């Protein structure tokens, strides 16, 4: 019977698991828990193909409990009731080990139906999710479980998996001559997903052309065709999206044009043009600000061009904007100033607007009083000393000049004028 290569390569011991050394290494916490034989309720959180199901299978073999599997994308409340009905029967004398895949798709009622049984130990829950459990799993279940994060596999981990799969593939398909760079390309273009990488390699063996010597030939060109688009873990509503846009903003702020271009490319490869545009526009004011105020209209023009062009051509004006922002001088004086002002307003520090600044809406009603407003343009250098803040905030400083060339020039200009009186 045919067995997919991805199933054949699936590890059967913790030592064979690819990656995850932070929890499965020699002294990793999860390894020690498994070896103890006392399995708590656990939630495995991480991207697809990172080994969550594999580790759950290994744990099942290490316990004497009956293993049951449910996938939350298709399981119903009745499936849970059927599982509970088997408790305390000869079918499950030691309880049930339940592997619940994609638990985030269970609604609150479905998740809560398990509470009583995972609390009294009749069901040991191992749930997996690709979404942040602190956002998608209800607190009652979360508080009774230990969360383990499975990280995306590194290139080295992926290459090890591909090489091991190559040996098994040769047993099925026969000897093959593999061009240089094929295994490395498959490993690097699978987005840290072992399953995808192994499936790609199996497809290459399946479609390989036999040479005149009867040996299979696998070319780098075929490998590139098989994985034309990287399987990045990017979901517009999930962690992948927020991680990518966060990395783009921080790379711009950190003045690293290469990293900024990389994360822009990831967003565009996932078709997230709107998300990229929004972050780039924000960075022009948040991170560059008054150090180079011309960045705002330039970036706005680039974004408008990108939206008019659409993908893939939109990548050109957006790349221009990203390089400009990453290499521009930086200032967060605008952010600090408005944050400080907003904090005072939220704290109720307002007070009446000074009479000098009020609208003359009372004039002509019989309640006129001298406003006393001084019109700055009537004075030398278009400036005159007068109080603009409410009395209870008089003297408060929100904006402080940044240490960049532009703002220091403004600071020197105003210091000269205000000290000339």
Protein backbone atom coordinates (compact mmCIF):
# COMPACT_ATOMS: atom_id res chain seq x y z
CA UNK A 1 0.00 0.00 0.00
CA UNK A 2 1.34 3.43 -0.97
CA UNK A 3 2.39 5.58 1.94
CA UNK A 4 3.22 9.28 1.37
CA UNK A 5 6.82 10.18 1.98
CA UNK A 6 5.77 12.77 4.58
CA UNK A 7 4.22 9.97 6.66
CA UNK A 8 7.19 7.66 6.24
CA UNK A 9 9.63 10.30 7.45
CA UNK A 10 7.55 11.24 10.49
CA UNK A 11 9.74 10.86 13.62
CA UNK A 12 8.83 8.15 16.13
CA UNK A 13 11.03 9.39 18.99
CA UNK A 14 11.81 12.78 20.43
CA UNK A 15 15.42 12.45 19.26
CA UNK A 16 14.24 12.29 15.65
CA UNK A 17 12.10 15.45 15.80
CA UNK A 18 13.41 18.23 13.59
CA UNK A 19 14.14 21.48 15.43
CA UNK A 20 12.37 22.56 18.66
CA UNK A 21 15.55 22.13 20.70
CA UNK A 22 14.37 24.83 23.09
CA UNK A 23 11.71 22.46 24.46
CA UNK A 24 12.87 19.04 23.24
CA UNK A 25 16.62 19.35 23.64
CA UNK A 26 18.60 17.25 26.11
CA UNK A 27 17.32 19.24 29.08
CA UNK A 28 14.21 20.72 27.44
CA UNK A 29 11.15 21.13 29.64
CA UNK A 30 8.77 19.25 27.35
CA UNK A 31 11.21 16.35 27.00
CA UNK A 32 11.46 16.05 30.77
CA UNK A 33 7.68 16.11 31.12
CA UNK A 34 7.26 13.35 28.52
CA UNK A 35 9.93 11.20 30.12
CA UNK A 36 8.24 11.55 33.50
CA UNK A 37 5.12 9.84 32.12
CA UNK A 38 2.89 12.38 33.90
CA UNK A 39 1.35 14.23 31.01
CA UNK A 40 -0.51 17.48 31.83
CA UNK A 41 -3.03 19.24 29.62
CA UNK A 42 -1.01 21.04 26.97
CA UNK A 43 -1.45 23.44 24.08
CA UNK A 44 1.04 23.31 21.23
CA UNK A 45 1.26 26.64 19.44
CA UNK A 46 3.23 27.19 16.24
CA UNK A 47 3.22 27.28 12.44
CA UNK A 48 2.16 24.40 10.22
CA UNK A 49 4.72 21.68 9.66
CA UNK A 50 6.72 22.47 12.80
CA UNK A 51 6.12 19.10 14.50
CA UNK A 52 3.10 19.64 16.76
CA UNK A 53 1.18 16.56 15.60
CA UNK A 54 4.35 14.46 15.50
CA UNK A 55 5.21 15.24 19.12
CA UNK A 56 1.61 14.52 20.18
CA UNK A 57 1.85 11.08 18.51
CA UNK A 58 5.11 10.35 20.33
CA UNK A 59 3.53 11.35 23.65
CA UNK A 60 0.58 9.03 22.94
CA UNK A 61 2.97 6.11 22.55
CA UNK A 62 4.60 6.96 25.88
CA UNK A 63 1.32 6.73 27.83
CA UNK A 64 -1.09 3.88 28.46
CA UNK A 65 -4.13 6.02 27.71
CA UNK A 66 -6.43 5.53 24.77
CA UNK A 67 -5.57 8.03 22.05
CA UNK A 68 -8.45 9.85 20.36
CA UNK A 69 -8.15 12.51 17.67
CA UNK A 70 -10.47 15.35 16.74
CA UNK A 71 -10.01 18.15 14.26
CA UNK A 72 -11.82 21.27 15.40
CA UNK A 73 -12.46 22.37 11.82
CA UNK A 74 -14.90 19.48 11.33
CA UNK A 75 -15.72 18.09 14.80
CA UNK A 76 -19.09 18.85 16.36
CA UNK A 77 -20.42 18.99 19.90
CA UNK A 78 -21.83 15.50 19.33
CA UNK A 79 -18.31 14.19 18.65
CA UNK A 80 -17.28 15.46 22.06
CA UNK A 81 -20.34 13.87 23.70
CA UNK A 82 -19.52 10.54 22.04
CA UNK A 83 -15.97 10.75 23.36
CA UNK A 84 -17.19 11.57 26.89
CA UNK A 85 -19.62 8.64 26.74
CA UNK A 86 -16.67 6.24 26.45
CA UNK A 87 -15.14 7.44 29.71
CA UNK A 88 -15.22 4.99 32.63
CA UNK A 89 -15.87 2.07 30.28
CA UNK A 90 -13.73 -0.96 29.45
CA UNK A 91 -12.66 0.91 26.30
CA UNK A 92 -10.86 3.58 28.31
CA UNK A 93 -9.90 2.12 31.69
CA UNK A 94 -7.15 4.72 32.20
CA UNK A 95 -8.87 7.66 30.60
CA UNK A 96 -8.40 9.28 27.23
CA UNK A 97 -5.57 11.22 25.69
CA UNK A 98 -7.32 13.62 23.31
CA UNK A 99 -5.36 15.27 20.52
CA UNK A 100 -7.46 18.22 19.36
CA UNK A 101 -6.07 19.82 16.22
CA UNK A 102 -6.78 23.50 15.40
CA UNK A 103 -8.58 24.12 18.69
CA UNK A 104 -9.14 27.77 17.76
CA UNK A 105 -12.04 26.66 15.56
CA UNK A 106 -13.98 25.35 18.56
CA UNK A 107 -16.48 27.85 19.90
CA UNK A 108 -16.79 28.69 23.59
CA UNK A 109 -19.45 26.03 24.27
CA UNK A 110 -17.40 23.30 22.60
CA UNK A 111 -14.27 24.22 24.53
CA UNK A 112 -16.13 24.47 27.83
CA UNK A 113 -17.71 21.02 27.34
CA UNK A 114 -14.27 19.55 27.99
CA UNK A 115 -13.57 21.48 31.20
CA UNK A 116 -14.94 19.05 33.77
CA UNK A 117 -13.06 16.11 32.29
CA UNK A 118 -9.69 17.75 31.72
CA UNK A 119 -9.88 19.07 35.28
CA UNK A 120 -10.57 15.67 36.89
CA UNK A 121 -7.98 13.96 34.69
CA UNK A 122 -10.29 11.62 32.77
CA UNK A 123 -9.29 13.45 29.60
CA UNK A 124 -5.74 14.61 29.05
CA UNK A 125 -5.92 17.31 26.41
CA UNK A 126 -3.18 18.03 23.91
CA UNK A 127 -4.45 20.78 21.64
CA UNK A 128 -2.64 22.36 18.72
CA UNK A 129 -3.14 25.73 17.10
CA UNK A 130 -1.44 27.94 14.56
CA UNK A 131 -2.96 31.04 16.17
CA UNK A 132 -1.92 32.80 19.36
CA UNK A 133 -3.68 30.76 22.10
CA UNK A 134 -3.99 33.79 24.36
CA UNK A 135 -6.31 35.35 21.79
CA UNK A 136 -8.22 32.31 20.51
CA UNK A 137 -8.56 29.89 23.43
CA UNK A 138 -10.94 30.64 26.28
CA UNK A 139 -9.37 31.43 29.64
CA UNK A 140 -11.04 28.52 31.42
CA UNK A 141 -9.26 26.03 29.12
CA UNK A 142 -6.07 28.07 28.96
CA UNK A 143 -5.74 28.24 32.75
CA UNK A 144 -5.87 24.43 32.97
CA UNK A 145 -3.20 23.93 30.31
CA UNK A 146 0.49 24.53 29.73
CA UNK A 147 1.38 26.32 26.51
CA UNK A 148 4.43 25.24 24.50
CA UNK A 149 5.50 27.29 21.51
CA UNK A 150 6.82 25.44 18.47
CA UNK A 151 9.08 27.69 16.44
CA UNK A 152 9.43 27.82 12.67
CA UNK A 153 12.22 25.49 11.62
CA UNK A 154 15.56 26.95 10.58
CA UNK A 155 17.18 26.31 7.19
CA UNK A 156 19.55 23.81 8.82
CA UNK A 157 16.64 21.88 10.36
CA UNK A 158 14.82 21.86 7.02
CA UNK A 159 17.89 20.67 5.14
CA UNK A 160 18.31 17.80 7.60
CA UNK A 161 14.70 16.77 7.00
CA UNK A 162 15.06 16.98 3.21
CA UNK A 163 18.23 14.88 3.26
CA UNK A 164 16.55 12.23 5.38
CA UNK A 165 13.55 12.25 3.01
CA UNK A 166 15.89 11.85 0.02
CA UNK A 167 17.16 8.54 1.40
CA UNK A 168 13.63 7.19 1.82
CA UNK A 169 12.60 8.46 -1.61
CA UNK A 170 15.45 6.55 -3.23
CA UNK A 171 14.17 3.35 -1.60
CA UNK A 172 10.79 3.89 -3.32
CA UNK A 173 11.69 5.48 -6.63
CA UNK A 174 15.22 4.25 -7.22
CA UNK A 175 18.59 5.97 -7.49
CA UNK A 176 18.64 9.52 -8.73
CA UNK A 177 21.24 12.05 -9.75
CA UNK A 178 20.31 15.34 -8.11
CA UNK A 179 21.72 18.61 -9.39
CA UNK A 180 23.61 20.85 -7.01
CA UNK A 181 21.38 23.23 -5.09
CA UNK A 182 18.16 21.18 -5.40
CA UNK A 183 18.00 20.05 -1.78
CA UNK A 184 18.98 23.49 -0.53
CA UNK A 185 16.31 25.15 -2.68
CA UNK A 186 13.59 22.80 -1.45
CA UNK A 187 14.66 23.40 2.15
CA UNK A 188 14.77 27.19 1.83
CA UNK A 189 11.59 27.67 -0.21
CA UNK A 190 9.20 25.76 2.05
CA UNK A 191 8.71 28.39 4.72
CA UNK A 192 9.88 26.18 7.59
CA UNK A 193 7.19 23.58 6.81
CA UNK A 194 8.68 20.09 6.79
CA UNK A 195 5.55 18.58 5.28
CA UNK A 196 5.65 20.94 2.31
CA UNK A 197 9.36 20.36 1.76
CA UNK A 198 9.01 16.58 1.80
CA UNK A 199 5.97 16.70 -0.48
CA UNK A 200 7.93 18.86 -2.92
CA UNK A 201 10.82 16.41 -2.91
CA UNK A 202 8.46 13.47 -3.48
CA UNK A 203 6.91 15.30 -6.42
CA UNK A 204 10.35 15.85 -7.91
CA UNK A 205 11.12 12.12 -7.67
CA UNK A 206 7.72 11.25 -9.14
CA UNK A 207 8.18 13.55 -12.14
CA UNK A 208 11.89 12.87 -12.66
CA UNK A 209 13.04 11.90 -16.15
CA UNK A 210 15.16 8.78 -16.55
CA UNK A 211 18.56 9.21 -18.13
CA UNK A 212 19.93 6.90 -20.81
CA UNK A 213 21.55 4.97 -17.99
CA UNK A 214 18.18 4.32 -16.30
CA UNK A 215 18.83 6.70 -13.41
CA UNK A 216 16.38 9.42 -12.40
CA UNK A 217 17.51 12.99 -13.02
CA UNK A 218 16.26 15.81 -10.78
CA UNK A 219 17.07 19.31 -11.98
CA UNK A 220 17.26 22.61 -10.14
CA UNK A 221 14.90 24.07 -12.74
CA UNK A 222 12.21 21.54 -11.76
CA UNK A 223 12.79 22.30 -8.08
CA UNK A 224 12.24 26.00 -8.74
CA UNK A 225 9.02 25.24 -10.62
CA UNK A 226 7.71 23.03 -7.82
CA UNK A 227 8.18 25.80 -5.27
CA UNK A 228 7.47 28.90 -7.31
CA UNK A 229 6.05 30.69 -4.30
CA UNK A 230 7.43 30.35 -0.81
CA UNK A 231 5.01 28.89 1.74
CA UNK A 232 5.43 31.79 4.12
CA UNK A 233 3.35 31.61 7.27
CA UNK A 234 1.41 34.78 6.55
CA UNK A 235 -2.25 35.22 7.35
CA UNK A 236 -3.81 38.66 7.05
CA UNK A 237 -5.81 38.03 10.22
CA UNK A 238 -3.21 36.08 12.15
CA UNK A 239 0.16 36.39 13.84
CA UNK A 240 2.06 36.13 10.57
CA UNK A 241 0.54 39.38 9.34
CA UNK A 242 1.20 41.31 12.54
CA UNK A 243 4.72 39.95 12.83
CA UNK A 244 5.54 41.01 9.27
CA UNK A 245 4.14 44.54 9.54
CA UNK A 246 5.80 44.95 12.94
CA UNK A 247 9.14 43.84 11.49
CA UNK A 248 8.73 46.25 8.58
CA UNK A 249 8.09 49.21 10.91
CA UNK A 250 10.99 48.30 13.21
CA UNK A 251 13.36 47.84 10.28
CA UNK A 252 12.44 51.29 8.95
CA UNK A 253 12.89 52.76 12.41
CA UNK A 254 16.20 50.94 12.77
CA UNK A 255 17.47 52.41 9.45
CA UNK A 256 18.03 48.98 7.87
CA UNK A 257 16.92 49.24 4.21
CA UNK A 258 17.74 45.60 3.45
CA UNK A 259 15.58 44.21 6.24
CA UNK A 260 12.81 46.69 5.40
CA UNK A 261 12.83 45.53 1.76
CA UNK A 262 12.70 41.90 2.91
CA UNK A 263 9.59 42.40 5.03
CA UNK A 264 7.99 44.55 2.35
CA UNK A 265 8.59 41.68 -0.10
CA UNK A 266 6.95 39.22 2.32
CA UNK A 267 3.86 41.38 2.62
CA UNK A 268 3.62 41.88 -1.14
CA UNK A 269 4.22 38.19 -1.87
CA UNK A 270 1.22 37.48 0.37
CA UNK A 271 -0.82 40.07 -1.58
CA UNK A 272 -1.07 42.41 1.40
CA UNK A 273 -0.67 45.69 -0.48
CA UNK A 274 -2.96 47.65 1.85
CA UNK A 275 -1.10 46.55 4.98
CA UNK A 276 2.26 47.53 3.51
CA UNK A 277 0.99 50.95 2.40
CA UNK A 278 -0.51 51.74 5.80
CA UNK A 279 2.69 50.93 7.70
CA UNK A 280 4.88 52.90 5.31
CA UNK A 281 2.63 55.97 5.57
CA UNK A 282 2.67 55.76 9.37
CA UNK A 283 6.45 55.45 9.56
CA UNK A 284 6.94 58.73 7.64
CA UNK A 285 5.42 60.66 10.56
CA UNK A 286 6.17 58.30 13.45
CA UNK A 287 9.86 57.60 12.86
CA UNK A 288 11.16 60.29 10.48
CA UNK A 289 8.89 63.17 11.41
CA UNK A 290 10.46 66.62 11.53
CA UNK A 291 13.95 65.30 10.85
CA UNK A 292 12.86 65.14 7.20
CA UNK A 293 9.29 66.47 6.93
CA UNK A 294 9.35 66.16 3.11
CA UNK A 295 9.16 62.38 3.64
CA UNK A 296 5.39 62.59 4.21
CA UNK A 297 4.39 64.02 0.80
CA UNK A 298 6.99 61.89 -1.02
CA UNK A 299 5.82 58.67 0.62
CA UNK A 300 2.18 59.62 0.09
CA UNK A 301 2.89 60.02 -3.63
CA UNK A 302 4.63 56.61 -3.71
CA UNK A 303 1.68 54.94 -1.97
CA UNK A 304 -0.84 56.57 -4.31
CA UNK A 305 1.21 55.37 -7.30
CA UNK A 306 1.33 51.86 -5.85
CA UNK A 307 -2.43 51.73 -5.34
CA UNK A 308 -3.05 52.97 -8.87
CA UNK A 309 -0.61 50.49 -10.38
CA UNK A 310 -1.61 47.46 -8.32
CA UNK A 311 0.60 44.40 -7.92
CA UNK A 312 3.14 43.44 -9.12
CA UNK A 313 4.21 46.91 -10.38
CA UNK A 314 3.27 48.47 -7.03
CA UNK A 315 6.44 46.99 -5.59
CA UNK A 316 8.55 49.68 -7.32
CA UNK A 317 7.15 52.89 -5.73
CA UNK A 318 6.80 51.09 -2.39
CA UNK A 319 10.41 49.94 -2.51
CA UNK A 320 11.39 53.54 -3.28
CA UNK A 321 9.44 54.73 -0.24
CA UNK A 322 10.92 52.06 2.01
CA UNK A 323 14.51 52.85 1.01
CA UNK A 324 13.87 56.57 1.51
CA UNK A 325 12.43 56.06 4.99
CA UNK A 326 15.09 53.59 6.08
CA UNK A 327 17.94 55.88 5.03
CA UNK A 328 16.36 59.18 6.17
CA UNK A 329 17.35 60.87 9.46
CA UNK A 330 15.10 59.86 12.34
CA UNK A 331 13.10 61.74 14.94
CA UNK A 332 10.29 60.67 17.26
CA UNK A 333 9.75 64.15 18.70
CA UNK A 334 6.30 64.29 17.08
CA UNK A 335 5.26 61.00 18.71
CA UNK A 336 6.57 62.02 22.11
CA UNK A 337 4.85 65.41 21.90
CA UNK A 338 1.38 64.20 20.93
CA UNK A 339 1.58 61.27 23.38
CA UNK A 340 2.32 63.66 26.23
CA UNK A 341 -0.50 66.00 25.20
CA UNK A 342 -2.97 63.12 24.86
CA UNK A 343 -1.97 61.79 28.28
CA UNK A 344 -2.84 65.12 29.91
CA UNK A 345 -6.18 65.33 28.10
CA UNK A 346 -7.09 61.77 29.11
CA UNK A 347 -6.13 62.61 32.69
CA UNK A 348 -8.63 65.49 32.68
CA UNK A 349 -5.99 68.23 32.60
CA UNK A 350 -7.86 70.64 30.40
CA UNK A 351 -9.19 73.85 31.94
CA UNK A 352 -10.86 76.80 30.26
CA UNK A 353 -9.35 78.18 27.05
CA UNK A 354 -7.66 81.51 27.94
CA UNK A 355 -9.85 84.50 27.16
CA UNK A 356 -7.21 85.80 24.75
CA UNK A 357 -7.71 82.72 22.57
CA UNK A 358 -11.48 82.34 22.75
CA UNK A 359 -13.73 82.91 19.79
CA UNK A 360 -15.51 86.27 19.92
CA UNK A 361 -18.89 84.49 20.03
CA UNK A 362 -20.02 86.59 23.06
CA UNK A 363 -19.39 89.91 21.35
CA UNK A 364 -22.55 91.85 20.42
CA UNK A 365 -24.60 90.22 23.19
CA UNK A 366 -24.06 92.86 25.80
CA UNK A 367 -21.55 90.69 27.66
CA UNK A 368 -18.49 91.92 25.77
CA UNK A 369 -15.21 92.14 27.64
CA UNK A 370 -11.77 92.91 26.38
CA UNK A 371 -10.27 89.82 24.78
CA UNK A 372 -6.69 91.03 24.83
CA UNK A 373 -5.45 88.80 22.03
CA UNK A 374 -2.13 89.89 20.53
CA UNK A 375 -1.86 89.26 16.79
CA UNK A 376 1.68 87.84 16.27
CA UNK A 377 2.01 89.22 12.75
CA UNK A 378 1.82 92.74 14.15
CA UNK A 379 5.09 92.20 16.02
CA UNK A 380 8.74 91.85 14.96
CA UNK A 381 9.62 88.37 13.66
CA UNK A 382 5.87 87.53 13.76
CA UNK A 383 6.06 86.54 17.41
CA UNK A 384 4.91 88.00 20.72
CA UNK A 385 4.95 86.51 24.19
CA UNK A 386 1.52 85.50 25.43
CA UNK A 387 -0.06 82.50 27.20
CA UNK A 388 -1.75 79.92 24.98
CA UNK A 389 -2.17 76.94 27.33
CA UNK A 390 -4.95 76.86 29.96
CA UNK A 391 -3.93 78.37 33.29
CA UNK A 392 -3.58 74.99 35.00
CA UNK A 393 -1.12 73.85 32.32
CA UNK A 394 0.83 77.05 31.87
CA UNK A 395 4.51 76.29 31.29
CA UNK A 396 3.95 72.65 30.35
CA UNK A 397 6.35 71.40 27.67
CA UNK A 398 5.15 68.68 25.29
CA UNK A 399 7.38 69.15 22.29
CA UNK A 400 11.14 68.98 22.63
CA UNK A 401 13.33 69.62 19.61
CA UNK A 402 14.97 66.51 18.25
CA UNK A 403 18.73 66.26 17.86
CA UNK A 404 18.64 66.16 14.06
CA UNK A 405 19.81 68.95 11.76
CA UNK A 406 16.35 70.25 10.86
CA UNK A 407 14.93 70.49 14.36
CA UNK A 408 18.13 71.92 15.79
CA UNK A 409 17.91 74.66 13.16
CA UNK A 410 14.33 75.39 14.26
CA UNK A 411 15.46 75.42 17.89
CA UNK A 412 18.26 77.88 17.20
CA UNK A 413 15.90 80.11 15.19
CA UNK A 414 13.33 80.37 17.99
CA UNK A 415 15.90 80.69 20.76
CA UNK A 416 17.36 83.71 18.97
CA UNK A 417 13.95 85.35 18.53
CA UNK A 418 12.57 84.63 21.99
CA UNK A 419 15.77 85.71 23.76
CA UNK A 420 15.95 88.98 21.82
CA UNK A 421 13.20 90.55 23.94
